[in-house]
Amino acid sequence: MTTSILLITVFTVLSGFGDAAGFIYASKVWQDGRFVWIEALKCIVGFQFGMLMYWLALWKLSDLGVVVVEIQTLFWFAATIVGVALLSGRVLSWPAVDQLIAGGVLVGVGWLLYRGASAH
């Protein structure tokens, strides 16, 4: 079980960072009214890598009986949001109170996903 949890963590973090990279590159696809193919290709690679890692995380989550989509998404969402924040580099320059609020919002969204999953 410890190995499964470790693999879930690794696959989820890699999935989140792959998707975060996809989002970062997607923000650069349109520059000066022109489509930038190299950024689009980087975006596609990031999302494809993220999806592959997400499928591997789901494989191990299902082995542990975690099959509720909201719970599965919760892990990915947290990893992706943290990944975007870290890869963009801007969150580090935010005032501490803004970083704290961002953390609270992340916890709040996680709470809603968890409660939504347990309501059924």
N, C-alpha and C. Protein backbone atom coordinates (compact mmCIF):
# COMPACT_ATOMS: atom_id res chain seq x y z
N MET A 1 0.82 -1.19 0.00
CA MET A 1 0.00 0.00 0.00
C MET A 1 0.87 1.27 0.00
N THR A 2 1.98 1.24 0.73
CA THR A 2 2.88 2.38 0.76
C THR A 2 3.42 2.68 -0.64
N THR A 3 3.75 1.62 -1.39
CA THR A 3 4.24 1.80 -2.75
C THR A 3 3.17 2.44 -3.62
N SER A 4 1.91 1.99 -3.47
CA SER A 4 0.82 2.57 -4.25
C SER A 4 0.64 4.05 -3.95
N ILE A 5 0.70 4.41 -2.69
CA ILE A 5 0.54 5.82 -2.30
C ILE A 5 1.69 6.65 -2.87
N LEU A 6 2.90 6.11 -2.81
CA LEU A 6 4.05 6.81 -3.38
C LEU A 6 3.87 7.00 -4.89
N LEU A 7 3.44 5.95 -5.59
CA LEU A 7 3.23 6.05 -7.04
C LEU A 7 2.11 7.03 -7.37
N ILE A 8 1.03 7.00 -6.60
CA ILE A 8 -0.07 7.95 -6.80
C ILE A 8 0.45 9.38 -6.66
N THR A 9 1.25 9.61 -5.64
CA THR A 9 1.80 10.94 -5.41
C THR A 9 2.70 11.37 -6.57
N VAL A 10 3.60 10.50 -6.98
CA VAL A 10 4.53 10.82 -8.07
C VAL A 10 3.76 11.07 -9.37
N PHE A 11 2.84 10.15 -9.72
CA PHE A 11 2.08 10.30 -10.97
C PHE A 11 1.21 11.55 -10.94
N THR A 12 0.61 11.85 -9.79
CA THR A 12 -0.25 13.03 -9.68
C THR A 12 0.55 14.32 -9.79
N VAL A 13 1.69 14.38 -9.13
CA VAL A 13 2.54 15.57 -9.22
C VAL A 13 3.02 15.76 -10.66
N LEU A 14 3.45 14.68 -11.30
CA LEU A 14 3.89 14.78 -12.70
C LEU A 14 2.74 15.18 -13.62
N SER A 15 1.55 14.64 -13.36
CA SER A 15 0.38 15.02 -14.14
C SER A 15 0.07 16.50 -13.98
N GLY A 16 0.07 16.96 -12.74
CA GLY A 16 -0.21 18.36 -12.47
C GLY A 16 0.80 19.28 -13.11
N PHE A 17 2.07 18.91 -13.04
CA PHE A 17 3.10 19.77 -13.63
C PHE A 17 3.07 19.71 -15.16
N GLY A 18 2.74 18.55 -15.72
CA GLY A 18 2.57 18.47 -17.18
C GLY A 18 1.44 19.36 -17.64
N ASP A 19 0.30 19.28 -16.97
CA ASP A 19 -0.83 20.12 -17.34
C ASP A 19 -0.55 21.59 -17.05
N ALA A 20 0.14 21.86 -15.96
CA ALA A 20 0.51 23.25 -15.65
C ALA A 20 1.38 23.81 -16.77
N ALA A 21 2.34 23.03 -17.24
CA ALA A 21 3.18 23.48 -18.36
C ALA A 21 2.31 23.71 -19.59
N GLY A 22 1.35 22.81 -19.82
CA GLY A 22 0.42 23.00 -20.94
C GLY A 22 -0.32 24.32 -20.84
N PHE A 23 -0.78 24.67 -19.64
CA PHE A 23 -1.49 25.94 -19.45
C PHE A 23 -0.56 27.13 -19.65
N ILE A 24 0.67 27.02 -19.16
CA ILE A 24 1.63 28.11 -19.31
C ILE A 24 1.92 28.35 -20.80
N TYR A 25 2.18 27.26 -21.53
CA TYR A 25 2.47 27.41 -22.96
C TYR A 25 1.23 27.87 -23.73
N ALA A 26 0.05 27.41 -23.32
CA ALA A 26 -1.19 27.83 -23.99
C ALA A 26 -1.37 29.34 -23.91
N SER A 27 -0.92 29.93 -22.81
CA SER A 27 -1.07 31.38 -22.65
C SER A 27 -0.19 32.16 -23.63
N LYS A 28 0.74 31.46 -24.27
CA LYS A 28 1.66 32.12 -25.20
C LYS A 28 1.37 31.77 -26.66
N VAL A 29 0.29 31.04 -26.91
CA VAL A 29 -0.02 30.60 -28.26
C VAL A 29 -0.37 31.77 -29.18
N TRP A 30 -1.05 32.77 -28.64
CA TRP A 30 -1.39 33.95 -29.44
C TRP A 30 -0.52 35.12 -29.00
N GLN A 31 0.35 35.59 -29.90
CA GLN A 31 1.21 36.73 -29.61
C GLN A 31 1.11 37.72 -30.78
N ASP A 32 0.77 38.94 -30.45
CA ASP A 32 0.62 40.00 -31.46
C ASP A 32 -0.35 39.60 -32.57
N GLY A 33 -1.43 38.89 -32.18
CA GLY A 33 -2.45 38.50 -33.15
C GLY A 33 -2.05 37.34 -34.05
N ARG A 34 -0.90 36.72 -33.78
CA ARG A 34 -0.42 35.61 -34.60
C ARG A 34 -0.37 34.34 -33.77
N PHE A 35 -0.67 33.23 -34.41
CA PHE A 35 -0.60 31.92 -33.78
C PHE A 35 0.86 31.46 -33.77
N VAL A 36 1.37 31.09 -32.59
CA VAL A 36 2.77 30.68 -32.44
C VAL A 36 2.81 29.16 -32.31
N TRP A 37 3.19 28.52 -33.40
CA TRP A 37 3.15 27.06 -33.47
C TRP A 37 4.05 26.38 -32.44
N ILE A 38 5.22 26.91 -32.19
CA ILE A 38 6.13 26.26 -31.25
C ILE A 38 5.54 26.23 -29.84
N GLU A 39 4.86 27.32 -29.46
CA GLU A 39 4.20 27.33 -28.15
C GLU A 39 3.03 26.36 -28.13
N ALA A 40 2.32 26.26 -29.25
CA ALA A 40 1.20 25.30 -29.34
C ALA A 40 1.71 23.87 -29.21
N LEU A 41 2.83 23.58 -29.85
CA LEU A 41 3.39 22.23 -29.76
C LEU A 41 3.86 21.92 -28.34
N LYS A 42 4.48 22.88 -27.68
CA LYS A 42 4.89 22.70 -26.28
C LYS A 42 3.66 22.47 -25.40
N CYS A 43 2.60 23.22 -25.69
CA CYS A 43 1.35 23.07 -24.95
C CYS A 43 0.79 21.65 -25.10
N ILE A 44 0.75 21.17 -26.32
CA ILE A 44 0.24 19.83 -26.60
C ILE A 44 1.07 18.78 -25.86
N VAL A 45 2.38 18.92 -25.93
CA VAL A 45 3.26 17.96 -25.25
C VAL A 45 3.00 17.97 -23.74
N GLY A 46 2.87 19.16 -23.16
CA GLY A 46 2.60 19.26 -21.73
C GLY A 46 1.30 18.56 -21.35
N PHE A 47 0.23 18.85 -22.10
CA PHE A 47 -1.06 18.23 -21.78
C PHE A 47 -1.05 16.72 -22.02
N GLN A 48 -0.38 16.28 -23.08
CA GLN A 48 -0.32 14.84 -23.35
C GLN A 48 0.45 14.10 -22.25
N PHE A 49 1.56 14.69 -21.84
CA PHE A 49 2.32 14.10 -20.73
C PHE A 49 1.47 14.08 -19.46
N GLY A 50 0.79 15.20 -19.19
CA GLY A 50 -0.07 15.28 -18.01
C GLY A 50 -1.16 14.23 -18.03
N MET A 51 -1.77 14.00 -19.19
CA MET A 51 -2.83 13.00 -19.29
C MET A 51 -2.29 11.59 -19.07
N LEU A 52 -1.15 11.30 -19.66
CA LEU A 52 -0.54 9.98 -19.46
C LEU A 52 -0.27 9.73 -17.97
N MET A 53 0.30 10.71 -17.30
CA MET A 53 0.57 10.57 -15.87
C MET A 53 -0.73 10.46 -15.06
N TYR A 54 -1.77 11.19 -15.49
CA TYR A 54 -3.07 11.12 -14.81
C TYR A 54 -3.65 9.72 -14.94
N TRP A 55 -3.56 9.12 -16.13
CA TRP A 55 -4.05 7.75 -16.30
C TRP A 55 -3.31 6.78 -15.39
N LEU A 56 -2.00 6.99 -15.24
CA LEU A 56 -1.24 6.11 -14.35
C LEU A 56 -1.64 6.33 -12.89
N ALA A 57 -1.91 7.58 -12.51
CA ALA A 57 -2.38 7.85 -11.15
C ALA A 57 -3.74 7.18 -10.93
N LEU A 58 -4.61 7.25 -11.93
CA LEU A 58 -5.93 6.62 -11.80
C LEU A 58 -5.82 5.11 -11.67
N TRP A 59 -4.85 4.53 -12.35
CA TRP A 59 -4.62 3.09 -12.25
C TRP A 59 -4.35 2.70 -10.81
N LYS A 60 -3.45 3.43 -10.15
CA LYS A 60 -3.12 3.11 -8.76
C LYS A 60 -4.24 3.51 -7.81
N LEU A 61 -4.92 4.63 -8.09
CA LEU A 61 -6.07 5.02 -7.25
C LEU A 61 -7.16 3.95 -7.29
N SER A 62 -7.42 3.43 -8.48
CA SER A 62 -8.46 2.40 -8.59
C SER A 62 -8.05 1.12 -7.87
N ASP A 63 -6.75 0.82 -7.85
CA ASP A 63 -6.27 -0.34 -7.07
C ASP A 63 -6.60 -0.19 -5.59
N LEU A 64 -6.63 1.08 -5.11
CA LEU A 64 -6.95 1.33 -3.70
C LEU A 64 -8.45 1.58 -3.49
N GLY A 65 -9.24 1.45 -4.56
CA GLY A 65 -10.69 1.63 -4.44
C GLY A 65 -11.15 3.07 -4.55
N VAL A 66 -10.28 3.98 -4.92
CA VAL A 66 -10.66 5.38 -5.09
C VAL A 66 -11.14 5.55 -6.52
N VAL A 67 -12.46 5.48 -6.71
CA VAL A 67 -13.03 5.54 -8.06
C VAL A 67 -13.99 6.71 -8.24
N VAL A 68 -14.20 7.50 -7.22
CA VAL A 68 -15.09 8.65 -7.31
C VAL A 68 -14.35 9.77 -8.03
N VAL A 69 -14.94 10.26 -9.12
CA VAL A 69 -14.26 11.22 -9.98
C VAL A 69 -13.90 12.51 -9.24
N GLU A 70 -14.72 12.96 -8.32
CA GLU A 70 -14.41 14.20 -7.60
C GLU A 70 -13.15 14.05 -6.75
N ILE A 71 -12.98 12.90 -6.14
CA ILE A 71 -11.80 12.66 -5.31
C ILE A 71 -10.56 12.53 -6.20
N GLN A 72 -10.70 11.80 -7.31
CA GLN A 72 -9.59 11.67 -8.24
C GLN A 72 -9.18 13.05 -8.77
N THR A 73 -10.16 13.86 -9.09
CA THR A 73 -9.89 15.19 -9.64
C THR A 73 -9.27 16.11 -8.60
N LEU A 74 -9.65 15.94 -7.36
CA LEU A 74 -9.13 16.78 -6.28
C LEU A 74 -7.60 16.74 -6.24
N PHE A 75 -7.02 15.56 -6.32
CA PHE A 75 -5.57 15.44 -6.28
C PHE A 75 -4.93 16.13 -7.48
N TRP A 76 -5.50 15.87 -8.67
CA TRP A 76 -4.96 16.48 -9.89
C TRP A 76 -5.08 18.00 -9.84
N PHE A 77 -6.25 18.49 -9.39
CA PHE A 77 -6.49 19.93 -9.33
C PHE A 77 -5.46 20.62 -8.45
N ALA A 78 -5.23 20.08 -7.30
CA ALA A 78 -4.25 20.68 -6.38
C ALA A 78 -2.86 20.71 -7.01
N ALA A 79 -2.45 19.60 -7.61
CA ALA A 79 -1.12 19.53 -8.23
C ALA A 79 -1.02 20.51 -9.40
N THR A 80 -2.09 20.65 -10.17
CA THR A 80 -2.05 21.53 -11.34
C THR A 80 -2.00 23.00 -10.92
N ILE A 81 -2.83 23.38 -9.95
CA ILE A 81 -2.84 24.78 -9.50
C ILE A 81 -1.48 25.15 -8.89
N VAL A 82 -0.94 24.29 -8.07
CA VAL A 82 0.37 24.55 -7.48
C VAL A 82 1.42 24.61 -8.59
N GLY A 83 1.31 23.72 -9.57
CA GLY A 83 2.25 23.71 -10.69
C GLY A 83 2.21 25.01 -11.48
N VAL A 84 1.00 25.50 -11.80
CA VAL A 84 0.89 26.76 -12.52
C VAL A 84 1.50 27.89 -11.70
N ALA A 85 1.20 27.92 -10.43
CA ALA A 85 1.72 28.98 -9.56
C ALA A 85 3.25 28.96 -9.53
N LEU A 86 3.82 27.78 -9.42
CA LEU A 86 5.29 27.68 -9.35
C LEU A 86 5.96 27.92 -10.69
N LEU A 87 5.39 27.34 -11.76
CA LEU A 87 6.01 27.49 -13.08
C LEU A 87 5.91 28.92 -13.61
N SER A 88 4.83 29.61 -13.28
CA SER A 88 4.72 31.00 -13.74
C SER A 88 5.69 31.89 -12.98
N GLY A 89 5.99 31.51 -11.73
CA GLY A 89 6.93 32.26 -10.92
C GLY A 89 6.35 33.51 -10.27
N ARG A 90 5.16 33.88 -10.66
CA ARG A 90 4.59 35.13 -10.13
C ARG A 90 4.07 35.01 -8.71
N VAL A 91 3.62 33.84 -8.34
CA VAL A 91 3.03 33.68 -7.01
C VAL A 91 4.05 33.98 -5.91
N LEU A 92 5.31 33.78 -6.21
CA LEU A 92 6.35 34.02 -5.21
C LEU A 92 6.53 35.51 -4.91
N SER A 93 6.07 36.36 -5.83
CA SER A 93 6.18 37.79 -5.60
C SER A 93 4.90 38.39 -4.99
N TRP A 94 3.89 37.56 -4.79
CA TRP A 94 2.65 38.03 -4.17
C TRP A 94 2.90 38.37 -2.71
N PRO A 95 2.15 39.33 -2.17
CA PRO A 95 2.21 39.56 -0.73
C PRO A 95 1.77 38.30 0.03
N ALA A 96 2.28 38.13 1.22
CA ALA A 96 1.98 36.93 2.02
C ALA A 96 0.48 36.73 2.21
N VAL A 97 -0.26 37.81 2.41
CA VAL A 97 -1.71 37.67 2.63
C VAL A 97 -2.38 37.10 1.37
N ASP A 98 -1.92 37.51 0.19
CA ASP A 98 -2.49 36.97 -1.05
C ASP A 98 -2.15 35.49 -1.22
N GLN A 99 -0.94 35.11 -0.84
CA GLN A 99 -0.57 33.70 -0.89
C GLN A 99 -1.42 32.88 0.07
N LEU A 100 -1.66 33.44 1.25
CA LEU A 100 -2.50 32.77 2.24
C LEU A 100 -3.92 32.60 1.72
N ILE A 101 -4.48 33.64 1.11
CA ILE A 101 -5.84 33.56 0.57
C ILE A 101 -5.89 32.54 -0.56
N ALA A 102 -4.86 32.53 -1.42
CA ALA A 102 -4.82 31.54 -2.49
C ALA A 102 -4.84 30.13 -1.92
N GLY A 103 -4.08 29.90 -0.87
CA GLY A 103 -4.09 28.59 -0.20
C GLY A 103 -5.47 28.27 0.35
N GLY A 104 -6.12 29.25 0.93
CA GLY A 104 -7.47 29.05 1.46
C GLY A 104 -8.47 28.72 0.36
N VAL A 105 -8.35 29.40 -0.76
CA VAL A 105 -9.24 29.12 -1.90
C VAL A 105 -9.01 27.69 -2.39
N LEU A 106 -7.77 27.28 -2.48
CA LEU A 106 -7.45 25.93 -2.90
C LEU A 106 -8.05 24.91 -1.94
N VAL A 107 -7.92 25.15 -0.65
CA VAL A 107 -8.52 24.26 0.35
C VAL A 107 -10.04 24.27 0.20
N GLY A 108 -10.63 25.45 -0.03
CA GLY A 108 -12.08 25.56 -0.18
C GLY A 108 -12.60 24.79 -1.38
N VAL A 109 -11.93 24.89 -2.50
CA VAL A 109 -12.34 24.13 -3.68
C VAL A 109 -12.19 22.63 -3.41
N GLY A 110 -11.10 22.26 -2.76
CA GLY A 110 -10.92 20.86 -2.38
C GLY A 110 -12.04 20.37 -1.49
N TRP A 111 -12.44 21.20 -0.54
CA TRP A 111 -13.54 20.85 0.35
C TRP A 111 -14.83 20.61 -0.44
N LEU A 112 -15.13 21.50 -1.37
CA LEU A 112 -16.35 21.36 -2.16
C LEU A 112 -16.32 20.10 -3.03
N LEU A 113 -15.17 19.80 -3.62
CA LEU A 113 -15.05 18.56 -4.41
C LEU A 113 -15.25 17.34 -3.52
N TYR A 114 -14.64 17.36 -2.35
CA TYR A 114 -14.77 16.24 -1.42
C TYR A 114 -16.22 16.06 -0.95
N ARG A 115 -16.84 17.17 -0.55
CA ARG A 115 -18.23 17.11 -0.07
C ARG A 115 -19.19 16.70 -1.17
N GLY A 116 -18.92 17.17 -2.38
CA GLY A 116 -19.76 16.79 -3.52
C GLY A 116 -19.68 15.29 -3.78
N ALA A 117 -18.50 14.74 -3.62
CA ALA A 117 -18.31 13.30 -3.83
C ALA A 117 -18.99 12.50 -2.73
N SER A 118 -19.00 13.01 -1.51
CA SER A 118 -19.57 12.24 -0.40
C SER A 118 -21.08 12.43 -0.29
N ALA A 119 -21.65 13.34 -1.08
CA ALA A 119 -23.10 13.59 -1.01
C ALA A 119 -23.90 12.50 -1.71
N HIS A 120 -23.25 11.69 -2.53
CA HIS A 120 -23.99 10.67 -3.29
C HIS A 120 -23.94 9.35 -2.63
